[in-house]
Amino acid sequence: MASAETRCPECESDLDLDGYDLDEGETINCPECSVPLKVTSLDPLTVTTEED
């Protein structure tokens, strides 16, 4: 994986997810605003809000 950094689409917080074993389609919570985020791509790492 090239980079495990992305931004929360809800609060625009930088998400540094290095060290996390993520899978495409997995749901995580933003550590800043707690909104559920769906991993839509691993390279580059991309997340969307679950409502998208």
C-alpha atoms as a PDB file:
ATOM      1  CA  MET A   1       0.000   0.000   0.000  1.00  0.00           C
ATOM      2  CA  ALA A   2       1.416   3.374  -1.000  1.00  0.00           C
ATOM      3  CA  SER A   3      -0.049   5.517   1.774  1.00  0.00           C
ATOM      4  CA  ALA A   4      -2.463   5.002   4.644  1.00  0.00           C
ATOM      5  CA  GLU A   5      -3.400   8.657   4.936  1.00  0.00           C
ATOM      6  CA  THR A   6      -6.648  10.248   3.852  1.00  0.00           C
ATOM      7  CA  ARG A   7      -9.160  12.844   5.059  1.00  0.00           C
ATOM      8  CA  CYS A   8     -12.513  12.410   6.724  1.00  0.00           C
ATOM      9  CA  PRO A   9     -15.146  13.628   4.231  1.00  0.00           C
ATOM     10  CA  GLU A  10     -17.312  14.841   7.133  1.00  0.00           C
ATOM     11  CA  CYS A  11     -14.938  16.886   9.332  1.00  0.00           C
ATOM     12  CA  GLU A  12     -11.891  17.152   6.979  1.00  0.00           C
ATOM     13  CA  SER A  13      -9.611  15.724   9.677  1.00  0.00           C
ATOM     14  CA  ASP A  14      -6.423  13.999   8.508  1.00  0.00           C
ATOM     15  CA  LEU A  15      -6.702  10.262   9.103  1.00  0.00           C
ATOM     16  CA  ASP A  16      -3.385   8.461   9.550  1.00  0.00           C
ATOM     17  CA  LEU A  17      -4.267   4.788   9.373  1.00  0.00           C
ATOM     18  CA  ASP A  18      -0.749   3.348   9.067  1.00  0.00           C
ATOM     19  CA  GLY A  19      -0.562   0.078  10.945  1.00  0.00           C
ATOM     20  CA  TYR A  20      -4.253  -0.740  10.540  1.00  0.00           C
ATOM     21  CA  ASP A  21      -5.148  -3.866   8.574  1.00  0.00           C
ATOM     22  CA  LEU A  22      -7.941  -2.440   6.422  1.00  0.00           C
ATOM     23  CA  ASP A  23     -10.027  -4.188   3.791  1.00  0.00           C
ATOM     24  CA  GLU A  24     -12.015  -2.593   0.996  1.00  0.00           C
ATOM     25  CA  GLY A  25     -15.652  -2.334   2.106  1.00  0.00           C
ATOM     26  CA  GLU A  26     -14.718  -2.237   5.804  1.00  0.00           C
ATOM     27  CA  THR A  27     -16.327   0.379   8.042  1.00  0.00           C
ATOM     28  CA  ILE A  28     -14.245   2.438  10.470  1.00  0.00           C
ATOM     29  CA  ASN A  29     -15.108   5.432  12.667  1.00  0.00           C
ATOM     30  CA  CYS A  30     -13.387   8.785  12.349  1.00  0.00           C
ATOM     31  CA  PRO A  31     -11.408   9.360  15.559  1.00  0.00           C
ATOM     32  CA  GLU A  32     -12.307  13.080  15.511  1.00  0.00           C
ATOM     33  CA  CYS A  33     -16.041  13.205  14.713  1.00  0.00           C
ATOM     34  CA  SER A  34     -16.992   9.500  15.153  1.00  0.00           C
ATOM     35  CA  VAL A  35     -18.852   9.357  11.829  1.00  0.00           C
ATOM     36  CA  PRO A  36     -18.834   5.853  10.272  1.00  0.00           C
ATOM     37  CA  LEU A  37     -16.606   5.727   7.188  1.00  0.00           C
ATOM     38  CA  LYS A  38     -16.524   3.054   4.507  1.00  0.00           C
ATOM     39  CA  VAL A  39     -13.168   2.133   2.937  1.00  0.00           C
ATOM     40  CA  THR A  40     -13.787   2.365  -0.820  1.00  0.00           C
ATOM     41  CA  SER A  41     -10.211   1.962  -2.068  1.00  0.00           C
ATOM     42  CA  LEU A  42      -6.908   0.814  -0.598  1.00  0.00           C
ATOM     43  CA  ASP A  43      -4.467   2.342  -3.130  1.00  0.00           C
ATOM     44  CA  PRO A  44      -4.866   5.225  -2.743  1.00  0.00           C
ATOM     45  CA  LEU A  45      -6.712   4.942   0.556  1.00  0.00           C
ATOM     46  CA  THR A  46     -10.164   6.467   0.092  1.00  0.00           C
ATOM     47  CA  VAL A  47     -13.111   6.594   2.477  1.00  0.00           C
ATOM     48  CA  THR A  48     -16.687   7.839   2.139  1.00  0.00           C
ATOM     49  CA  THR A  49     -19.444   8.421   4.633  1.00  0.00           C
ATOM     50  CA  GLU A  50     -21.726   5.410   4.917  1.00  0.00           C
ATOM     51  CA  GLU A  51     -24.623   7.442   3.487  1.00  0.00           C
ATOM     52  CA  ASP A  52     -22.759   7.924   0.156  1.00  0.00           C
END
